[in-house]
Amino acid sequence: MIHGMTLDSYKTELETAPIENIYIPMSVYPLPADAIIMTGLLATRYAAGEITLEEVGELSCPSEAVYNQAMAQAAKVVADSADPYDSMADWSNSVGYTVGMMALYNANVEYVRSVYSGTTSTMEKRKTFLDKLELEAYTKMVMGDTDGKSISEYFDEFVTQYLEQGGQDITEEVQQAVDAS
């Protein structure tokens, strides 16, 4: 099931999102959860001759600027497929879109789109700290440095600490904003 965005600001932000370079959708913010996969699917369909370059842009872009970038990216995927050793960096990026993302697309993943893209007052005050706490906890779990606890126990302790240090307040603030929209 795909949940749609409920905040009007999301559409406005997407329409005016900055485009930093040709490798979209990586540099287009904010993104729906399936944007990267959809880019891979559209590029693959274009490379197979199923759709035109113009259709790639029309199917994936909310604005003319993003449309132009999508067309350039799709053309680059095809060019890199034809001459993969011209630039290994470009070729690997194209393979990531067409092979890697297609594997994820074909896996029938259930996408859940964000219903909130704003910043709450607690996020402004505590988000940097909470992000650091999260990164440290995940790093320790991956490295097996969980102070003698199982991963499950360590994760549960992290969640409790995260919620106590502002995570619960952020959750409540986001829920209020979503409910109000």
C-alpha atoms as a PDB file:
ATOM      1  CA  MET A   1       0.000   0.000   0.000  1.00  0.00           C
ATOM      2  CA  ILE A   2       1.341   3.451  -0.863  1.00  0.00           C
ATOM      3  CA  HIS A   3       0.468   6.269   1.497  1.00  0.00           C
ATOM      4  CA  GLY A   4       0.308   9.680  -0.179  1.00  0.00           C
ATOM      5  CA  MET A   5       1.707  12.883   1.166  1.00  0.00           C
ATOM      6  CA  THR A   6      -0.836  14.904   3.076  1.00  0.00           C
ATOM      7  CA  LEU A   7       0.941  18.214   3.452  1.00  0.00           C
ATOM      8  CA  ASP A   8       0.447  20.766   0.671  1.00  0.00           C
ATOM      9  CA  SER A   9       3.961  22.086   1.286  1.00  0.00           C
ATOM     10  CA  TYR A  10       5.457  18.813   0.042  1.00  0.00           C
ATOM     11  CA  LYS A  11       4.194  19.391  -3.503  1.00  0.00           C
ATOM     12  CA  THR A  12       5.426  22.986  -3.432  1.00  0.00           C
ATOM     13  CA  GLU A  13       8.857  21.892  -2.172  1.00  0.00           C
ATOM     14  CA  LEU A  14       9.111  19.216  -4.865  1.00  0.00           C
ATOM     15  CA  GLU A  15       8.162  21.686  -7.611  1.00  0.00           C
ATOM     16  CA  THR A  16      10.875  24.106  -6.529  1.00  0.00           C
ATOM     17  CA  ALA A  17      13.503  21.580  -5.417  1.00  0.00           C
ATOM     18  CA  PRO A  18      17.075  22.503  -6.280  1.00  0.00           C
ATOM     19  CA  ILE A  19      18.821  20.415  -8.905  1.00  0.00           C
ATOM     20  CA  GLU A  20      22.546  20.276  -8.290  1.00  0.00           C
ATOM     21  CA  ASN A  21      23.686  17.996 -11.113  1.00  0.00           C
ATOM     22  CA  ILE A  22      22.555  15.528 -13.734  1.00  0.00           C
ATOM     23  CA  TYR A  23      22.404  12.504 -11.440  1.00  0.00           C
ATOM     24  CA  ILE A  24      18.783  12.751 -10.466  1.00  0.00           C
ATOM     25  CA  PRO A  25      16.912  11.838  -8.397  1.00  0.00           C
ATOM     26  CA  MET A  26      19.801  11.760  -5.937  1.00  0.00           C
ATOM     27  CA  SER A  27      20.045  15.555  -5.873  1.00  0.00           C
ATOM     28  CA  VAL A  28      16.343  16.419  -5.944  1.00  0.00           C
ATOM     29  CA  TYR A  29      14.873  17.014  -2.509  1.00  0.00           C
ATOM     30  CA  PRO A  30      12.504  16.034  -1.046  1.00  0.00           C
ATOM     31  CA  LEU A  31      11.861  12.704  -2.761  1.00  0.00           C
ATOM     32  CA  PRO A  32       9.088  10.157  -2.577  1.00  0.00           C
ATOM     33  CA  ALA A  33      10.328   6.807  -1.252  1.00  0.00           C
ATOM     34  CA  ASP A  34      10.266   5.145  -4.668  1.00  0.00           C
ATOM     35  CA  ALA A  35      11.882   7.937  -6.716  1.00  0.00           C
ATOM     36  CA  ILE A  36      15.207   6.170  -7.254  1.00  0.00           C
ATOM     37  CA  ILE A  37      13.531   2.908  -8.225  1.00  0.00           C
ATOM     38  CA  MET A  38      11.173   4.697 -10.597  1.00  0.00           C
ATOM     39  CA  THR A  39      14.128   6.425 -12.257  1.00  0.00           C
ATOM     40  CA  GLY A  40      15.746   3.038 -12.780  1.00  0.00           C
ATOM     41  CA  LEU A  41      12.529   1.590 -14.173  1.00  0.00           C
ATOM     42  CA  LEU A  42      11.980   4.491 -16.575  1.00  0.00           C
ATOM     43  CA  ALA A  43      15.607   4.475 -17.731  1.00  0.00           C
ATOM     44  CA  THR A  44      15.410   0.707 -18.326  1.00  0.00           C
ATOM     45  CA  ARG A  45      12.136   1.025 -20.236  1.00  0.00           C
ATOM     46  CA  TYR A  46      13.674   3.784 -22.349  1.00  0.00           C
ATOM     47  CA  ALA A  47      16.836   1.762 -23.024  1.00  0.00           C
ATOM     48  CA  ALA A  48      14.639  -1.169 -24.124  1.00  0.00           C
ATOM     49  CA  GLY A  49      12.727   1.084 -26.525  1.00  0.00           C
ATOM     50  CA  GLU A  50       9.435   0.732 -24.640  1.00  0.00           C
ATOM     51  CA  ILE A  51       9.007   4.470 -24.077  1.00  0.00           C
ATOM     52  CA  THR A  52      10.423   7.624 -25.620  1.00  0.00           C
ATOM     53  CA  LEU A  53      12.833  10.009 -23.943  1.00  0.00           C
ATOM     54  CA  GLU A  54      10.036  12.560 -23.691  1.00  0.00           C
ATOM     55  CA  GLU A  55       7.844  10.000 -21.903  1.00  0.00           C
ATOM     56  CA  VAL A  56      10.622   9.430 -19.363  1.00  0.00           C
ATOM     57  CA  GLY A  57      10.458  13.080 -18.384  1.00  0.00           C
ATOM     58  CA  GLU A  58       6.679  13.279 -18.467  1.00  0.00           C
ATOM     59  CA  LEU A  59       6.291  10.209 -16.248  1.00  0.00           C
ATOM     60  CA  SER A  60       8.830  11.259 -13.640  1.00  0.00           C
ATOM     61  CA  CYS A  61       8.990  15.023 -13.361  1.00  0.00           C
ATOM     62  CA  PRO A  62       6.922  17.620 -11.534  1.00  0.00           C
ATOM     63  CA  SER A  63       8.599  20.608 -13.215  1.00  0.00           C
ATOM     64  CA  GLU A  64      10.351  21.618 -16.422  1.00  0.00           C
ATOM     65  CA  ALA A  65      13.763  21.791 -14.741  1.00  0.00           C
ATOM     66  CA  VAL A  66      13.435  18.282 -13.322  1.00  0.00           C
ATOM     67  CA  TYR A  67      12.056  17.087 -16.685  1.00  0.00           C
ATOM     68  CA  ASN A  68      15.181  18.350 -18.482  1.00  0.00           C
ATOM     69  CA  GLN A  69      17.451  16.671 -15.936  1.00  0.00           C
ATOM     70  CA  ALA A  70      15.560  13.366 -16.195  1.00  0.00           C
ATOM     71  CA  MET A  71      15.850  13.395 -19.976  1.00  0.00           C
ATOM     72  CA  ALA A  72      19.598  13.991 -19.733  1.00  0.00           C
ATOM     73  CA  GLN A  73      19.992  11.194 -17.175  1.00  0.00           C
ATOM     74  CA  ALA A  74      18.021   8.693 -19.259  1.00  0.00           C
ATOM     75  CA  ALA A  75      20.067   9.553 -22.353  1.00  0.00           C
ATOM     76  CA  LYS A  76      23.247   9.111 -20.313  1.00  0.00           C
ATOM     77  CA  VAL A  77      22.145   5.649 -19.126  1.00  0.00           C
ATOM     78  CA  VAL A  78      21.688   4.560 -22.736  1.00  0.00           C
ATOM     79  CA  ALA A  79      25.017   6.101 -23.821  1.00  0.00           C
ATOM     80  CA  ASP A  80      26.848   4.456 -20.910  1.00  0.00           C
ATOM     81  CA  SER A  81      25.271   1.097 -21.806  1.00  0.00           C
ATOM     82  CA  ALA A  82      26.554   1.447 -25.371  1.00  0.00           C
ATOM     83  CA  ASP A  83      30.102   2.386 -24.313  1.00  0.00           C
ATOM     84  CA  PRO A  84      30.544   1.206 -20.708  1.00  0.00           C
ATOM     85  CA  TYR A  85      34.294   1.711 -20.532  1.00  0.00           C
ATOM     86  CA  ASP A  86      34.306   5.360 -21.579  1.00  0.00           C
ATOM     87  CA  SER A  87      33.854   6.326 -17.937  1.00  0.00           C
ATOM     88  CA  MET A  88      33.679   3.641 -15.277  1.00  0.00           C
ATOM     89  CA  ALA A  89      32.102   6.085 -12.794  1.00  0.00           C
ATOM     90  CA  ASP A  90      29.308   6.986 -15.221  1.00  0.00           C
ATOM     91  CA  TRP A  91      28.823   3.358 -16.223  1.00  0.00           C
ATOM     92  CA  SER A  92      28.567   2.175 -12.613  1.00  0.00           C
ATOM     93  CA  ASN A  93      26.010   4.891 -11.875  1.00  0.00           C
ATOM     94  CA  SER A  94      23.927   3.785 -14.850  1.00  0.00           C
ATOM     95  CA  VAL A  95      24.173   0.117 -13.851  1.00  0.00           C
ATOM     96  CA  GLY A  96      23.055   1.118 -10.363  1.00  0.00           C
ATOM     97  CA  TYR A  97      19.901   2.614 -11.838  1.00  0.00           C
ATOM     98  CA  THR A  98      19.128  -0.097 -14.371  1.00  0.00           C
ATOM     99  CA  VAL A  99      20.311  -3.280 -12.644  1.00  0.00           C
ATOM    100  CA  GLY A 100      20.399  -2.500  -8.933  1.00  0.00           C
ATOM    101  CA  MET A 101      17.182  -0.530  -8.760  1.00  0.00           C
ATOM    102  CA  MET A 102      15.378  -2.965 -11.074  1.00  0.00           C
ATOM    103  CA  ALA A 103      16.165  -5.800  -8.647  1.00  0.00           C
ATOM    104  CA  LEU A 104      14.523  -3.790  -5.892  1.00  0.00           C
ATOM    105  CA  TYR A 105      11.609  -2.855  -8.153  1.00  0.00           C
ATOM    106  CA  ASN A 106      11.008  -6.487  -9.112  1.00  0.00           C
ATOM    107  CA  ALA A 107      11.036  -7.533  -5.436  1.00  0.00           C
ATOM    108  CA  ASN A 108       7.525  -6.080  -4.961  1.00  0.00           C
ATOM    109  CA  VAL A 109       8.600  -3.865  -2.071  1.00  0.00           C
ATOM    110  CA  GLU A 110       5.829  -2.144  -0.127  1.00  0.00           C
ATOM    111  CA  TYR A 111       6.463   1.598  -0.307  1.00  0.00           C
ATOM    112  CA  VAL A 112       5.324   3.951   2.401  1.00  0.00           C
ATOM    113  CA  ARG A 113       5.632   7.619   1.537  1.00  0.00           C
ATOM    114  CA  SER A 114       6.349  10.234   4.141  1.00  0.00           C
ATOM    115  CA  VAL A 115       3.405  12.291   5.263  1.00  0.00           C
ATOM    116  CA  TYR A 116       5.588  14.962   6.865  1.00  0.00           C
ATOM    117  CA  SER A 117       8.541  16.920   5.528  1.00  0.00           C
ATOM    118  CA  GLY A 118       8.776  19.801   7.985  1.00  0.00           C
ATOM    119  CA  THR A 119      10.801  20.549  11.082  1.00  0.00           C
ATOM    120  CA  THR A 120       9.356  20.654  14.584  1.00  0.00           C
ATOM    121  CA  SER A 121      10.630  22.777  17.472  1.00  0.00           C
ATOM    122  CA  THR A 122      12.125  19.735  19.201  1.00  0.00           C
ATOM    123  CA  MET A 123      13.849  18.715  15.964  1.00  0.00           C
ATOM    124  CA  GLU A 124      15.497  22.133  15.862  1.00  0.00           C
ATOM    125  CA  LYS A 125      16.752  21.682  19.431  1.00  0.00           C
ATOM    126  CA  ARG A 126      17.514  17.949  19.638  1.00  0.00           C
ATOM    127  CA  LYS A 127      17.847  16.427  16.141  1.00  0.00           C
ATOM    128  CA  THR A 128      21.631  16.773  15.866  1.00  0.00           C
ATOM    129  CA  PHE A 129      22.105  15.045  19.211  1.00  0.00           C
ATOM    130  CA  LEU A 130      19.577  12.325  18.360  1.00  0.00           C
ATOM    131  CA  ASP A 131      21.179  11.709  14.956  1.00  0.00           C
ATOM    132  CA  LYS A 132      24.565  11.269  16.673  1.00  0.00           C
ATOM    133  CA  LEU A 133      23.045   8.933  19.263  1.00  0.00           C
ATOM    134  CA  GLU A 134      21.458   6.874  16.471  1.00  0.00           C
ATOM    135  CA  LEU A 135      24.651   6.680  14.405  1.00  0.00           C
ATOM    136  CA  GLU A 136      26.689   5.601  17.412  1.00  0.00           C
ATOM    137  CA  ALA A 137      24.146   2.930  18.372  1.00  0.00           C
ATOM    138  CA  TYR A 138      23.910   1.488  14.864  1.00  0.00           C
ATOM    139  CA  THR A 139      27.689   1.536  14.475  1.00  0.00           C
ATOM    140  CA  LYS A 140      28.125  -0.354  17.747  1.00  0.00           C
ATOM    141  CA  MET A 141      25.495  -2.910  16.731  1.00  0.00           C
ATOM    142  CA  VAL A 142      27.125  -3.474  13.331  1.00  0.00           C
ATOM    143  CA  MET A 143      30.575  -3.756  14.905  1.00  0.00           C
ATOM    144  CA  GLY A 144      29.326  -6.088  17.655  1.00  0.00           C
ATOM    145  CA  ASP A 145      30.307  -3.652  20.425  1.00  0.00           C
ATOM    146  CA  THR A 146      27.067  -3.873  22.431  1.00  0.00           C
ATOM    147  CA  ASP A 147      28.533  -3.938  25.953  1.00  0.00           C
ATOM    148  CA  GLY A 148      27.909  -7.686  26.304  1.00  0.00           C
ATOM    149  CA  LYS A 149      24.219  -7.351  25.466  1.00  0.00           C
ATOM    150  CA  SER A 150      22.418  -9.018  22.587  1.00  0.00           C
ATOM    151  CA  ILE A 151      21.672  -6.793  19.588  1.00  0.00           C
ATOM    152  CA  SER A 152      17.996  -6.903  20.531  1.00  0.00           C
ATOM    153  CA  GLU A 153      18.664  -5.802  24.126  1.00  0.00           C
ATOM    154  CA  TYR A 154      21.060  -3.082  23.011  1.00  0.00           C
ATOM    155  CA  PHE A 155      18.587  -1.805  20.410  1.00  0.00           C
ATOM    156  CA  ASP A 156      15.761  -1.716  22.967  1.00  0.00           C
ATOM    157  CA  GLU A 157      17.960   0.348  25.321  1.00  0.00           C
ATOM    158  CA  PHE A 158      18.860   2.703  22.451  1.00  0.00           C
ATOM    159  CA  VAL A 159      15.161   3.211  21.584  1.00  0.00           C
ATOM    160  CA  THR A 160      14.329   3.986  25.221  1.00  0.00           C
ATOM    161  CA  GLN A 161      17.171   6.505  25.437  1.00  0.00           C
ATOM    162  CA  TYR A 162      16.253   8.019  22.056  1.00  0.00           C
ATOM    163  CA  LEU A 163      12.643   8.542  23.090  1.00  0.00           C
ATOM    164  CA  GLU A 164      13.639   9.992  26.474  1.00  0.00           C
ATOM    165  CA  GLN A 165      16.111  12.439  24.881  1.00  0.00           C
ATOM    166  CA  GLY A 166      13.522  14.034  22.568  1.00  0.00           C
ATOM    167  CA  GLY A 167      12.394  11.331  20.163  1.00  0.00           C
ATOM    168  CA  GLN A 168       9.004  10.982  21.845  1.00  0.00           C
ATOM    169  CA  ASP A 169       8.420  14.749  21.718  1.00  0.00           C
ATOM    170  CA  ILE A 170       9.317  14.791  18.010  1.00  0.00           C
ATOM    171  CA  THR A 171       6.959  11.890  17.350  1.00  0.00           C
ATOM    172  CA  GLU A 172       4.111  13.698  19.081  1.00  0.00           C
ATOM    173  CA  GLU A 173       4.830  17.011  17.295  1.00  0.00           C
ATOM    174  CA  VAL A 174       4.893  15.317  13.883  1.00  0.00           C
ATOM    175  CA  GLN A 175       1.675  13.465  14.670  1.00  0.00           C
ATOM    176  CA  GLN A 176      -0.017  16.740  15.641  1.00  0.00           C
ATOM    177  CA  ALA A 177       1.126  18.388  12.394  1.00  0.00           C
ATOM    178  CA  VAL A 178      -0.094  15.467  10.292  1.00  0.00           C
ATOM    179  CA  ASP A 179      -3.419  15.337  12.120  1.00  0.00           C
ATOM    180  CA  ALA A 180      -3.886  19.081  11.581  1.00  0.00           C
ATOM    181  CA  SER A 181      -3.342  18.878   7.802  1.00  0.00           C
END
